Amino acid sequence: MYKEKSLMKKLLMILLILSGKNVFAQLTPVNTIDINTTYVPGSKYIQKDGSLENTEKTQRRIDLGYSFIISNKVDTLTRKINSWTAMVDGSYTQLGKPLNENDLMPHRLFSTQFAVVNYRSIGNKWGMVKLIQLGVNTDLKKFDIHDLFVSGGLIFIKNQSPKFSYGFGVFVANATNAPLILPAVIFQLRTDGKFKFKIDLPTEVSAAYEVNKAMEVKLALRYRNISYDVQNKMNPKRRYLNYMELPLGLEGKWKSKRFDFTLGGGYLFIRNFQLKEGGIKNMFKSTPTNKLNGNIYVNAGISYRLRSASK
């Protein structure tokens, strides 16, 4: 049972890395509904694309996630695993209405993904992960083929020990309406006990203290990066918005048999917005970076396990 839980967490971590998404809460355990909301007070908006001065934006976001096992087979002779897992998630962000046509910040951003992952053992310590993901990332103004984001990947993972694993491979995505082939690298290191330290690159670095069986306090640095298809009147060709943020936060988690409650806050060091044109030739062109100034944030979340962990 322990090995199965560890495997599912690794698969979900890989999904988040390849989709470029990361939320403030823990990675969603299998067969658990996870809901999180984040609020950032009014922050100065600095737009390098065009003239826009003395502007503040308030940011609100809600994230939902659910994952489940499609099938999980273990060869009784060789102990090799062949597992299929699916994950569904969505995110809605509100950033305040644009002041005028020169304001390139979208009022709303919405993304949803559905992913299927296959894990197969290929040795005593090695495994192979294959995945495909389909999503819609949009500003909700106009829907067309550009709002559809597809990615897939192949990764080889070595489980050096229950607490240390790493992997490498490739993934393909259409983040700017063109096929993008990139290397995929993962690294996971964690410790157990009252004090827990975890590295899940590139999504999270955290340290936690288990106050008791029902409460945990964690300090975490997390990374979020996602692309959207958006509409703007200043330069309609530049329709791909890449959003990146880097928060450092302290959160408390209260745990029960079926429910977990999370409450926390911290500081957002980076919130960058870049608009790019589609196509391979424009993929690596340098473009101005619009940004929201660093600010505090608060977040809250709830997780509901649809069945007990013993099942």
C-alpha atoms as a PDB file:
ATOM      1  CA  MET A   1       0.000   0.000   0.000  1.00  0.00           C
ATOM      2  CA  TYR A   2       2.859   2.397   0.814  1.00  0.00           C
ATOM      3  CA  LYS A   3       4.527   1.756  -2.543  1.00  0.00           C
ATOM      4  CA  GLU A   4       1.246   2.397  -4.380  1.00  0.00           C
ATOM      5  CA  LYS A   5       0.739   5.749  -2.615  1.00  0.00           C
ATOM      6  CA  SER A   6       4.318   6.795  -3.373  1.00  0.00           C
ATOM      7  CA  LEU A   7       3.892   5.831  -7.032  1.00  0.00           C
ATOM      8  CA  MET A   8       0.667   7.812  -7.415  1.00  0.00           C
ATOM      9  CA  LYS A   9       2.279  10.931  -5.922  1.00  0.00           C
ATOM     10  CA  LYS A  10       5.189  10.652  -8.361  1.00  0.00           C
ATOM     11  CA  LEU A  11       2.809  10.354 -11.309  1.00  0.00           C
ATOM     12  CA  LEU A  12       0.831  13.394 -10.222  1.00  0.00           C
ATOM     13  CA  MET A  13       4.042  15.367  -9.717  1.00  0.00           C
ATOM     14  CA  ILE A  14       5.117  14.575 -13.279  1.00  0.00           C
ATOM     15  CA  LEU A  15       1.729  15.693 -14.580  1.00  0.00           C
ATOM     16  CA  LEU A  16       2.098  19.059 -12.880  1.00  0.00           C
ATOM     17  CA  ILE A  17       5.613  19.512 -14.243  1.00  0.00           C
ATOM     18  CA  LEU A  18       4.622  18.809 -17.830  1.00  0.00           C
ATOM     19  CA  SER A  19       1.458  20.861 -17.687  1.00  0.00           C
ATOM     20  CA  GLY A  20       3.402  23.744 -16.178  1.00  0.00           C
ATOM     21  CA  LYS A  21       0.874  24.106 -13.405  1.00  0.00           C
ATOM     22  CA  ASN A  22       1.314  24.268  -9.697  1.00  0.00           C
ATOM     23  CA  VAL A  23      -1.140  25.153  -6.920  1.00  0.00           C
ATOM     24  CA  PHE A  24      -0.495  26.309  -3.361  1.00  0.00           C
ATOM     25  CA  ALA A  25      -1.892  23.143  -1.786  1.00  0.00           C
ATOM     26  CA  GLN A  26      -0.356  19.685  -1.578  1.00  0.00           C
ATOM     27  CA  LEU A  27      -0.309  17.488  -4.673  1.00  0.00           C
ATOM     28  CA  THR A  28      -3.762  15.951  -4.978  1.00  0.00           C
ATOM     29  CA  PRO A  29      -3.812  12.392  -3.554  1.00  0.00           C
ATOM     30  CA  VAL A  30      -5.580   9.713  -5.568  1.00  0.00           C
ATOM     31  CA  ASN A  31      -9.396   9.676  -5.306  1.00  0.00           C
ATOM     32  CA  THR A  32      -9.457  13.016  -3.490  1.00  0.00           C
ATOM     33  CA  ILE A  33     -11.276  16.223  -4.426  1.00  0.00           C
ATOM     34  CA  ASP A  34      -9.061  19.231  -3.778  1.00  0.00           C
ATOM     35  CA  ILE A  35     -10.304  22.861  -3.768  1.00  0.00           C
ATOM     36  CA  ASN A  36      -8.059  25.877  -3.098  1.00  0.00           C
ATOM     37  CA  THR A  37      -8.612  29.608  -3.269  1.00  0.00           C
ATOM     38  CA  THR A  38      -6.027  32.432  -3.276  1.00  0.00           C
ATOM     39  CA  TYR A  39      -6.405  36.188  -2.789  1.00  0.00           C
ATOM     40  CA  VAL A  40      -3.784  38.886  -3.476  1.00  0.00           C
ATOM     41  CA  PRO A  41      -4.606  42.534  -2.527  1.00  0.00           C
ATOM     42  CA  GLY A  42      -4.275  45.397  -4.987  1.00  0.00           C
ATOM     43  CA  SER A  43      -0.768  45.468  -6.496  1.00  0.00           C
ATOM     44  CA  LYS A  44       0.876  47.950  -8.840  1.00  0.00           C
ATOM     45  CA  TYR A  45       0.702  46.787 -12.452  1.00  0.00           C
ATOM     46  CA  ILE A  46       3.735  47.667 -14.593  1.00  0.00           C
ATOM     47  CA  GLN A  47       3.031  47.268 -18.295  1.00  0.00           C
ATOM     48  CA  LYS A  48       5.991  47.579 -20.667  1.00  0.00           C
ATOM     49  CA  ASP A  49       3.719  47.063 -23.704  1.00  0.00           C
ATOM     50  CA  GLY A  50       2.191  50.506 -24.309  1.00  0.00           C
ATOM     51  CA  SER A  51       1.416  53.425 -22.018  1.00  0.00           C
ATOM     52  CA  LEU A  52      -0.416  52.510 -18.817  1.00  0.00           C
ATOM     53  CA  GLU A  53       0.310  54.308 -15.553  1.00  0.00           C
ATOM     54  CA  ASN A  54      -0.855  54.290 -11.929  1.00  0.00           C
ATOM     55  CA  THR A  55      -2.713  51.006 -12.258  1.00  0.00           C
ATOM     56  CA  GLU A  56      -3.424  48.459  -9.533  1.00  0.00           C
ATOM     57  CA  LYS A  57      -4.812  44.950  -9.942  1.00  0.00           C
ATOM     58  CA  THR A  58      -6.387  42.626  -7.372  1.00  0.00           C
ATOM     59  CA  GLN A  59      -5.960  38.921  -8.015  1.00  0.00           C
ATOM     60  CA  ARG A  60      -8.382  36.140  -7.031  1.00  0.00           C
ATOM     61  CA  ARG A  61      -8.027  32.491  -8.029  1.00  0.00           C
ATOM     62  CA  ILE A  62      -9.742  29.190  -7.359  1.00  0.00           C
ATOM     63  CA  ASP A  63      -8.203  25.797  -8.224  1.00  0.00           C
ATOM     64  CA  LEU A  64      -9.900  22.415  -8.308  1.00  0.00           C
ATOM     65  CA  GLY A  65      -8.358  18.982  -8.796  1.00  0.00           C
ATOM     66  CA  TYR A  66      -9.312  15.324  -8.810  1.00  0.00           C
ATOM     67  CA  SER A  67      -7.342  12.206  -9.694  1.00  0.00           C
ATOM     68  CA  PHE A  68      -8.313   8.554  -9.845  1.00  0.00           C
ATOM     69  CA  ILE A  69      -6.872   5.152 -10.719  1.00  0.00           C
ATOM     70  CA  ILE A  70      -8.140   3.615 -13.969  1.00  0.00           C
ATOM     71  CA  SER A  71      -6.349   0.312 -13.391  1.00  0.00           C
ATOM     72  CA  ASN A  72      -3.447  -0.970 -11.308  1.00  0.00           C
ATOM     73  CA  LYS A  73      -1.986  -4.397 -12.068  1.00  0.00           C
ATOM     74  CA  VAL A  74       0.903  -6.055 -10.234  1.00  0.00           C
ATOM     75  CA  ASP A  75       2.576  -9.194 -11.560  1.00  0.00           C
ATOM     76  CA  THR A  76       2.610 -11.560  -8.571  1.00  0.00           C
ATOM     77  CA  LEU A  77       5.763 -13.303  -9.843  1.00  0.00           C
ATOM     78  CA  THR A  78       7.972 -10.362 -10.840  1.00  0.00           C
ATOM     79  CA  ARG A  79       6.235  -7.629  -8.730  1.00  0.00           C
ATOM     80  CA  LYS A  80       6.255  -5.374 -11.784  1.00  0.00           C
ATOM     81  CA  ILE A  81       3.598  -2.665 -11.910  1.00  0.00           C
ATOM     82  CA  ASN A  82       1.404  -1.538 -14.810  1.00  0.00           C
ATOM     83  CA  SER A  83      -0.785   1.339 -13.671  1.00  0.00           C
ATOM     84  CA  TRP A  84      -3.138   3.795 -15.427  1.00  0.00           C
ATOM     85  CA  THR A  85      -4.115   7.017 -13.663  1.00  0.00           C
ATOM     86  CA  ALA A  86      -6.226  10.010 -14.743  1.00  0.00           C
ATOM     87  CA  MET A  87      -6.328  13.567 -13.443  1.00  0.00           C
ATOM     88  CA  VAL A  88      -8.805  16.396 -14.003  1.00  0.00           C
ATOM     89  CA  ASP A  89      -8.141  19.947 -12.828  1.00  0.00           C
ATOM     90  CA  GLY A  90      -9.340  23.479 -13.443  1.00  0.00           C
ATOM     91  CA  SER A  91      -8.350  27.015 -12.484  1.00  0.00           C
ATOM     92  CA  TYR A  92     -10.199  30.338 -12.683  1.00  0.00           C
ATOM     93  CA  THR A  93      -8.392  33.676 -12.114  1.00  0.00           C
ATOM     94  CA  GLN A  94      -9.922  37.162 -11.900  1.00  0.00           C
ATOM     95  CA  LEU A  95      -7.618  40.176 -12.297  1.00  0.00           C
ATOM     96  CA  GLY A  96      -9.915  43.201 -12.503  1.00  0.00           C
ATOM     97  CA  LYS A  97     -11.431  44.788 -15.599  1.00  0.00           C
ATOM     98  CA  PRO A  98      -9.061  46.448 -18.129  1.00  0.00           C
ATOM     99  CA  LEU A  99      -8.983  50.260 -17.846  1.00  0.00           C
ATOM    100  CA  ASN A 100      -8.887  50.844 -21.613  1.00  0.00           C
ATOM    101  CA  GLU A 101      -7.806  49.178 -24.876  1.00  0.00           C
ATOM    102  CA  ASN A 102      -4.139  49.756 -23.962  1.00  0.00           C
ATOM    103  CA  ASP A 103      -4.530  47.560 -20.876  1.00  0.00           C
ATOM    104  CA  LEU A 104      -3.280  44.135 -21.974  1.00  0.00           C
ATOM    105  CA  MET A 105      -4.040  42.366 -18.699  1.00  0.00           C
ATOM    106  CA  PRO A 106      -7.009  39.988 -19.245  1.00  0.00           C
ATOM    107  CA  HIS A 107      -9.970  40.392 -16.911  1.00  0.00           C
ATOM    108  CA  ARG A 108     -10.368  36.609 -16.527  1.00  0.00           C
ATOM    109  CA  LEU A 109      -8.201  33.557 -17.158  1.00  0.00           C
ATOM    110  CA  PHE A 110      -9.513  30.013 -17.201  1.00  0.00           C
ATOM    111  CA  SER A 111      -7.736  26.709 -17.682  1.00  0.00           C
ATOM    112  CA  THR A 112      -8.768  23.081 -17.472  1.00  0.00           C
ATOM    113  CA  GLN A 113      -6.828  19.882 -18.120  1.00  0.00           C
ATOM    114  CA  PHE A 114      -7.526  16.196 -18.453  1.00  0.00           C
ATOM    115  CA  ALA A 115      -4.539  13.859 -18.370  1.00  0.00           C
ATOM    116  CA  VAL A 116      -3.953  10.118 -18.532  1.00  0.00           C
ATOM    117  CA  VAL A 117      -0.725   8.556 -17.229  1.00  0.00           C
ATOM    118  CA  ASN A 118       0.658   5.051 -17.648  1.00  0.00           C
ATOM    119  CA  TYR A 119       3.424   3.777 -15.371  1.00  0.00           C
ATOM    120  CA  ARG A 120       5.204   0.500 -16.151  1.00  0.00           C
ATOM    121  CA  SER A 121       8.091  -1.115 -14.271  1.00  0.00           C
ATOM    122  CA  ILE A 122      11.064  -1.930 -16.482  1.00  0.00           C
ATOM    123  CA  GLY A 123      13.484  -3.173 -13.821  1.00  0.00           C
ATOM    124  CA  ASN A 124      14.045  -3.481 -10.089  1.00  0.00           C
ATOM    125  CA  LYS A 125      14.391   0.285  -9.660  1.00  0.00           C
ATOM    126  CA  TRP A 126      13.501   1.750 -13.056  1.00  0.00           C
ATOM    127  CA  GLY A 127      10.091   2.672 -14.382  1.00  0.00           C
ATOM    128  CA  MET A 128       8.689   4.292 -17.511  1.00  0.00           C
ATOM    129  CA  VAL A 129       5.947   6.923 -17.580  1.00  0.00           C
ATOM    130  CA  LYS A 130       3.871   7.744 -20.664  1.00  0.00           C
ATOM    131  CA  LEU A 131       1.283  10.500 -20.567  1.00  0.00           C
ATOM    132  CA  ILE A 132      -0.995  12.630 -22.693  1.00  0.00           C
ATOM    133  CA  GLN A 133      -2.804  15.784 -21.632  1.00  0.00           C
ATOM    134  CA  LEU A 134      -5.562  17.833 -23.228  1.00  0.00           C
ATOM    135  CA  GLY A 135      -6.640  21.243 -21.964  1.00  0.00           C
ATOM    136  CA  VAL A 136      -8.369  24.533 -22.721  1.00  0.00           C
ATOM    137  CA  ASN A 137      -6.563  27.709 -21.565  1.00  0.00           C
ATOM    138  CA  THR A 138      -8.430  30.888 -22.413  1.00  0.00           C
ATOM    139  CA  ASP A 139      -9.433  34.427 -21.404  1.00  0.00           C
ATOM    140  CA  LEU A 140     -13.113  33.454 -22.070  1.00  0.00           C
ATOM    141  CA  LYS A 141     -13.533  36.090 -24.795  1.00  0.00           C
ATOM    142  CA  LYS A 142     -13.406  33.900 -27.878  1.00  0.00           C
ATOM    143  CA  PHE A 143     -13.009  30.151 -28.347  1.00  0.00           C
ATOM    144  CA  ASP A 144     -11.166  28.585 -31.283  1.00  0.00           C
ATOM    145  CA  ILE A 145      -8.458  26.006 -31.983  1.00  0.00           C
ATOM    146  CA  HIS A 146      -5.818  28.274 -30.379  1.00  0.00           C
ATOM    147  CA  ASP A 147      -7.425  27.749 -26.960  1.00  0.00           C
ATOM    148  CA  LEU A 148      -6.710  24.015 -27.149  1.00  0.00           C
ATOM    149  CA  PHE A 149      -3.443  22.915 -25.551  1.00  0.00           C
ATOM    150  CA  VAL A 150      -2.134  19.377 -26.030  1.00  0.00           C
ATOM    151  CA  SER A 151       0.990  17.823 -24.523  1.00  0.00           C
ATOM    152  CA  GLY A 152       2.514  14.396 -24.110  1.00  0.00           C
ATOM    153  CA  GLY A 153       5.664  12.897 -22.740  1.00  0.00           C
ATOM    154  CA  LEU A 154       7.857   9.907 -22.036  1.00  0.00           C
ATOM    155  CA  ILE A 155       9.974   9.789 -18.876  1.00  0.00           C
ATOM    156  CA  PHE A 156      12.244   7.171 -17.328  1.00  0.00           C
ATOM    157  CA  ILE A 157      12.346   7.200 -13.517  1.00  0.00           C
ATOM    158  CA  LYS A 158      14.844   5.592 -11.171  1.00  0.00           C
ATOM    159  CA  ASN A 159      13.566   4.944  -7.641  1.00  0.00           C
ATOM    160  CA  GLN A 160      16.907   4.943  -5.862  1.00  0.00           C
ATOM    161  CA  SER A 161      15.118   4.520  -2.528  1.00  0.00           C
ATOM    162  CA  PRO A 162      11.638   5.209  -1.095  1.00  0.00           C
ATOM    163  CA  LYS A 163      12.860   8.747  -0.318  1.00  0.00           C
ATOM    164  CA  PHE A 164      14.922   9.556  -3.401  1.00  0.00           C
ATOM    165  CA  SER A 165      14.125   9.321  -7.104  1.00  0.00           C
ATOM    166  CA  TYR A 166      15.036  11.079 -10.317  1.00  0.00           C
ATOM    167  CA  GLY A 167      14.135  10.863 -13.981  1.00  0.00           C
ATOM    168  CA  PHE A 168      14.633  12.190 -17.472  1.00  0.00           C
ATOM    169  CA  GLY A 169      12.834  12.127 -20.803  1.00  0.00           C
ATOM    170  CA  VAL A 170      11.112  14.363 -23.357  1.00  0.00           C
ATOM    171  CA  PHE A 171       7.735  16.010 -23.749  1.00  0.00           C
ATOM    172  CA  VAL A 172       5.968  17.723 -26.628  1.00  0.00           C
ATOM    173  CA  ALA A 173       3.545  20.655 -26.237  1.00  0.00           C
ATOM    174  CA  ASN A 174       1.844  23.264 -28.420  1.00  0.00           C
ATOM    175  CA  ALA A 175       2.251  26.183 -26.005  1.00  0.00           C
ATOM    176  CA  THR A 176       2.399  28.739 -28.876  1.00  0.00           C
ATOM    177  CA  ASN A 177       0.366  26.841 -31.500  1.00  0.00           C
ATOM    178  CA  ALA A 178       3.558  25.114 -32.672  1.00  0.00           C
ATOM    179  CA  PRO A 179       5.116  21.789 -31.638  1.00  0.00           C
ATOM    180  CA  LEU A 180       7.643  22.377 -28.897  1.00  0.00           C
ATOM    181  CA  ILE A 181       9.983  19.512 -27.940  1.00  0.00           C
ATOM    182  CA  LEU A 182      11.772  19.942 -24.621  1.00  0.00           C
ATOM    183  CA  PRO A 183      13.715  17.757 -22.200  1.00  0.00           C
ATOM    184  CA  ALA A 184      11.934  16.692 -19.027  1.00  0.00           C
ATOM    185  CA  VAL A 185      13.899  16.294 -15.785  1.00  0.00           C
ATOM    186  CA  ILE A 186      12.521  15.444 -12.348  1.00  0.00           C
ATOM    187  CA  PHE A 187      14.207  15.179  -8.957  1.00  0.00           C
ATOM    188  CA  GLN A 188      12.521  14.133  -5.711  1.00  0.00           C
ATOM    189  CA  LEU A 189      14.088  13.974  -2.271  1.00  0.00           C
ATOM    190  CA  ARG A 190      12.220  13.843   1.027  1.00  0.00           C
ATOM    191  CA  THR A 191      12.701  12.992   4.699  1.00  0.00           C
ATOM    192  CA  ASP A 192      10.249  11.580   7.250  1.00  0.00           C
ATOM    193  CA  GLY A 193       9.683  12.195  10.941  1.00  0.00           C
ATOM    194  CA  LYS A 194       8.498  15.197  12.933  1.00  0.00           C
ATOM    195  CA  PHE A 195      10.490  17.502  10.658  1.00  0.00           C
ATOM    196  CA  LYS A 196       9.972  16.800   6.954  1.00  0.00           C
ATOM    197  CA  PHE A 197      12.041  18.257   4.145  1.00  0.00           C
ATOM    198  CA  LYS A 198      10.977  17.843   0.512  1.00  0.00           C
ATOM    199  CA  ILE A 199      12.402  18.776  -2.888  1.00  0.00           C
ATOM    200  CA  ASP A 200      10.161  18.194  -5.919  1.00  0.00           C
ATOM    201  CA  LEU A 201      11.933  20.010  -8.746  1.00  0.00           C
ATOM    202  CA  PRO A 202      10.812  22.136 -10.423  1.00  0.00           C
ATOM    203  CA  THR A 203       7.526  22.476  -8.548  1.00  0.00           C
ATOM    204  CA  GLU A 204       8.267  22.721  -4.815  1.00  0.00           C
ATOM    205  CA  VAL A 205      10.871  23.034  -2.087  1.00  0.00           C
ATOM    206  CA  SER A 206       9.398  22.816   1.408  1.00  0.00           C
ATOM    207  CA  ALA A 207      10.018  22.119   5.086  1.00  0.00           C
ATOM    208  CA  ALA A 208       7.231  20.903   7.384  1.00  0.00           C
ATOM    209  CA  TYR A 209       6.757  20.208  11.080  1.00  0.00           C
ATOM    210  CA  GLU A 210       4.195  17.664  12.260  1.00  0.00           C
ATOM    211  CA  VAL A 211       2.720  19.177  15.423  1.00  0.00           C
ATOM    212  CA  ASN A 212       0.637  16.034  15.984  1.00  0.00           C
ATOM    213  CA  LYS A 213      -1.245  13.473  13.896  1.00  0.00           C
ATOM    214  CA  ALA A 214      -3.974  16.010  13.175  1.00  0.00           C
ATOM    215  CA  MET A 215      -1.911  19.124  12.369  1.00  0.00           C
ATOM    216  CA  GLU A 216       1.072  20.075  10.224  1.00  0.00           C
ATOM    217  CA  VAL A 217       2.823  23.398   9.585  1.00  0.00           C
ATOM    218  CA  LYS A 218       4.746  23.911   6.344  1.00  0.00           C
ATOM    219  CA  LEU A 219       6.979  26.566   4.763  1.00  0.00           C
ATOM    220  CA  ALA A 220       6.987  26.135   0.972  1.00  0.00           C
ATOM    221  CA  LEU A 221       8.435  27.766  -2.126  1.00  0.00           C
ATOM    222  CA  ARG A 222       6.366  26.836  -5.187  1.00  0.00           C
ATOM    223  CA  TYR A 223       6.526  27.606  -8.898  1.00  0.00           C
ATOM    224  CA  ARG A 224       3.638  28.107 -11.319  1.00  0.00           C
ATOM    225  CA  ASN A 225       3.913  28.585 -15.094  1.00  0.00           C
ATOM    226  CA  ILE A 226       1.078  28.360 -17.635  1.00  0.00           C
ATOM    227  CA  SER A 227       0.207  29.654 -21.122  1.00  0.00           C
ATOM    228  CA  TYR A 228      -3.165  30.988 -22.295  1.00  0.00           C
ATOM    229  CA  ASP A 229      -4.710  32.062 -25.581  1.00  0.00           C
ATOM    230  CA  VAL A 230      -5.948  35.663 -25.145  1.00  0.00           C
ATOM    231  CA  GLN A 231      -7.392  38.517 -27.219  1.00  0.00           C
ATOM    232  CA  ASN A 232      -5.965  42.042 -27.371  1.00  0.00           C
ATOM    233  CA  LYS A 233      -6.578  45.025 -29.673  1.00  0.00           C
ATOM    234  CA  MET A 234      -3.095  46.539 -29.538  1.00  0.00           C
ATOM    235  CA  ASN A 235      -1.403  43.621 -31.267  1.00  0.00           C
ATOM    236  CA  PRO A 236      -3.822  40.808 -32.161  1.00  0.00           C
ATOM    237  CA  LYS A 237      -1.007  38.554 -33.431  1.00  0.00           C
ATOM    238  CA  ARG A 238       0.504  38.395 -29.951  1.00  0.00           C
ATOM    239  CA  ARG A 239      -2.198  36.176 -28.512  1.00  0.00           C
ATOM    240  CA  TYR A 240      -0.228  33.726 -26.353  1.00  0.00           C
ATOM    241  CA  LEU A 241       0.082  34.889 -22.758  1.00  0.00           C
ATOM    242  CA  ASN A 242       2.627  33.160 -20.542  1.00  0.00           C
ATOM    243  CA  TYR A 243       2.068  33.683 -16.829  1.00  0.00           C
ATOM    244  CA  MET A 244       4.692  32.886 -14.183  1.00  0.00           C
ATOM    245  CA  GLU A 245       4.628  33.278 -10.405  1.00  0.00           C
ATOM    246  CA  LEU A 246       6.864  32.371  -7.464  1.00  0.00           C
ATOM    247  CA  PRO A 247       5.308  32.432  -3.959  1.00  0.00           C
ATOM    248  CA  LEU A 248       6.854  31.672  -0.574  1.00  0.00           C
ATOM    249  CA  GLY A 249       4.275  30.824   2.045  1.00  0.00           C
ATOM    250  CA  LEU A 250       3.584  29.417   5.496  1.00  0.00           C
ATOM    251  CA  GLU A 251       0.530  27.172   5.817  1.00  0.00           C
ATOM    252  CA  GLY A 252      -1.172  25.075   8.450  1.00  0.00           C
ATOM    253  CA  LYS A 253      -3.018  21.859   7.663  1.00  0.00           C
ATOM    254  CA  TRP A 254      -5.630  20.273   9.923  1.00  0.00           C
ATOM    255  CA  LYS A 255      -6.286  16.611   9.104  1.00  0.00           C
ATOM    256  CA  SER A 256      -9.218  14.303   9.815  1.00  0.00           C
ATOM    257  CA  LYS A 257     -10.366  10.924   8.475  1.00  0.00           C
ATOM    258  CA  ARG A 258     -11.980  12.315   5.315  1.00  0.00           C
ATOM    259  CA  PHE A 259     -11.302  16.060   5.316  1.00  0.00           C
ATOM    260  CA  ASP A 260      -8.122  18.160   5.329  1.00  0.00           C
ATOM    261  CA  PHE A 261      -8.294  21.938   5.839  1.00  0.00           C
ATOM    262  CA  THR A 262      -5.449  24.255   4.821  1.00  0.00           C
ATOM    263  CA  LEU A 263      -5.019  27.922   5.731  1.00  0.00           C
ATOM    264  CA  GLY A 264      -1.957  29.994   4.938  1.00  0.00           C
ATOM    265  CA  GLY A 265      -0.344  33.035   3.444  1.00  0.00           C
ATOM    266  CA  GLY A 266       2.940  34.471   2.328  1.00  0.00           C
ATOM    267  CA  TYR A 267       4.587  36.678  -0.243  1.00  0.00           C
ATOM    268  CA  LEU A 268       4.494  36.556  -4.054  1.00  0.00           C
ATOM    269  CA  PHE A 269       7.948  37.539  -5.285  1.00  0.00           C
ATOM    270  CA  ILE A 270       7.260  37.204  -9.021  1.00  0.00           C
ATOM    271  CA  ARG A 271       4.155  37.617 -11.208  1.00  0.00           C
ATOM    272  CA  ASN A 272       5.170  38.078 -14.842  1.00  0.00           C
ATOM    273  CA  PHE A 273       3.036  38.252 -18.005  1.00  0.00           C
ATOM    274  CA  GLN A 274       4.526  37.942 -21.492  1.00  0.00           C
ATOM    275  CA  LEU A 275       2.635  38.101 -24.797  1.00  0.00           C
ATOM    276  CA  LYS A 276       4.036  36.184 -27.760  1.00  0.00           C
ATOM    277  CA  GLU A 277       3.105  35.451 -31.369  1.00  0.00           C
ATOM    278  CA  GLY A 278       2.385  31.899 -32.460  1.00  0.00           C
ATOM    279  CA  GLY A 279       4.698  29.752 -34.546  1.00  0.00           C
ATOM    280  CA  ILE A 280       8.131  28.211 -34.111  1.00  0.00           C
ATOM    281  CA  LYS A 281       9.989  31.272 -35.489  1.00  0.00           C
ATOM    282  CA  ASN A 282       8.482  33.462 -32.734  1.00  0.00           C
ATOM    283  CA  MET A 283       8.854  30.968 -29.915  1.00  0.00           C
ATOM    284  CA  PHE A 284      12.140  32.273 -28.514  1.00  0.00           C
ATOM    285  CA  LYS A 285      11.820  35.934 -29.524  1.00  0.00           C
ATOM    286  CA  SER A 286      12.426  38.379 -26.700  1.00  0.00           C
ATOM    287  CA  THR A 287       9.268  40.279 -25.696  1.00  0.00           C
ATOM    288  CA  PRO A 288       8.553  42.894 -23.000  1.00  0.00           C
ATOM    289  CA  THR A 289       7.650  41.539 -19.572  1.00  0.00           C
ATOM    290  CA  ASN A 290       4.571  43.036 -17.938  1.00  0.00           C
ATOM    291  CA  LYS A 291       4.338  42.372 -14.219  1.00  0.00           C
ATOM    292  CA  LEU A 292       2.476  42.833 -10.985  1.00  0.00           C
ATOM    293  CA  ASN A 293       4.595  44.009  -8.081  1.00  0.00           C
ATOM    294  CA  GLY A 294       5.357  41.609  -5.250  1.00  0.00           C
ATOM    295  CA  ASN A 295       2.707  41.453  -2.544  1.00  0.00           C
ATOM    296  CA  ILE A 296       1.332  39.346   0.285  1.00  0.00           C
ATOM    297  CA  TYR A 297      -1.295  36.670  -0.356  1.00  0.00           C
ATOM    298  CA  VAL A 298      -3.650  34.481   1.656  1.00  0.00           C
ATOM    299  CA  ASN A 299      -4.972  31.086   0.662  1.00  0.00           C
ATOM    300  CA  ALA A 300      -7.341  28.438   1.959  1.00  0.00           C
ATOM    301  CA  GLY A 301      -8.166  24.933   0.838  1.00  0.00           C
ATOM    302  CA  ILE A 302     -10.154  21.818   1.554  1.00  0.00           C
ATOM    303  CA  SER A 303      -9.574  18.208   0.507  1.00  0.00           C
ATOM    304  CA  TYR A 304     -12.162  15.427   0.661  1.00  0.00           C
ATOM    305  CA  ARG A 305     -11.177  11.773   0.376  1.00  0.00           C
ATOM    306  CA  LEU A 306     -13.878   9.765  -1.344  1.00  0.00           C
ATOM    307  CA  ARG A 307     -12.781   6.593   0.432  1.00  0.00           C
ATOM    308  CA  SER A 308     -10.616   5.747   3.404  1.00  0.00           C
ATOM    309  CA  ALA A 309      -6.882   5.324   2.897  1.00  0.00           C
ATOM    310  CA  SER A 310      -7.080   1.673   3.942  1.00  0.00           C
ATOM    311  CA  LYS A 311      -9.210   0.745   0.940  1.00  0.00           C
END
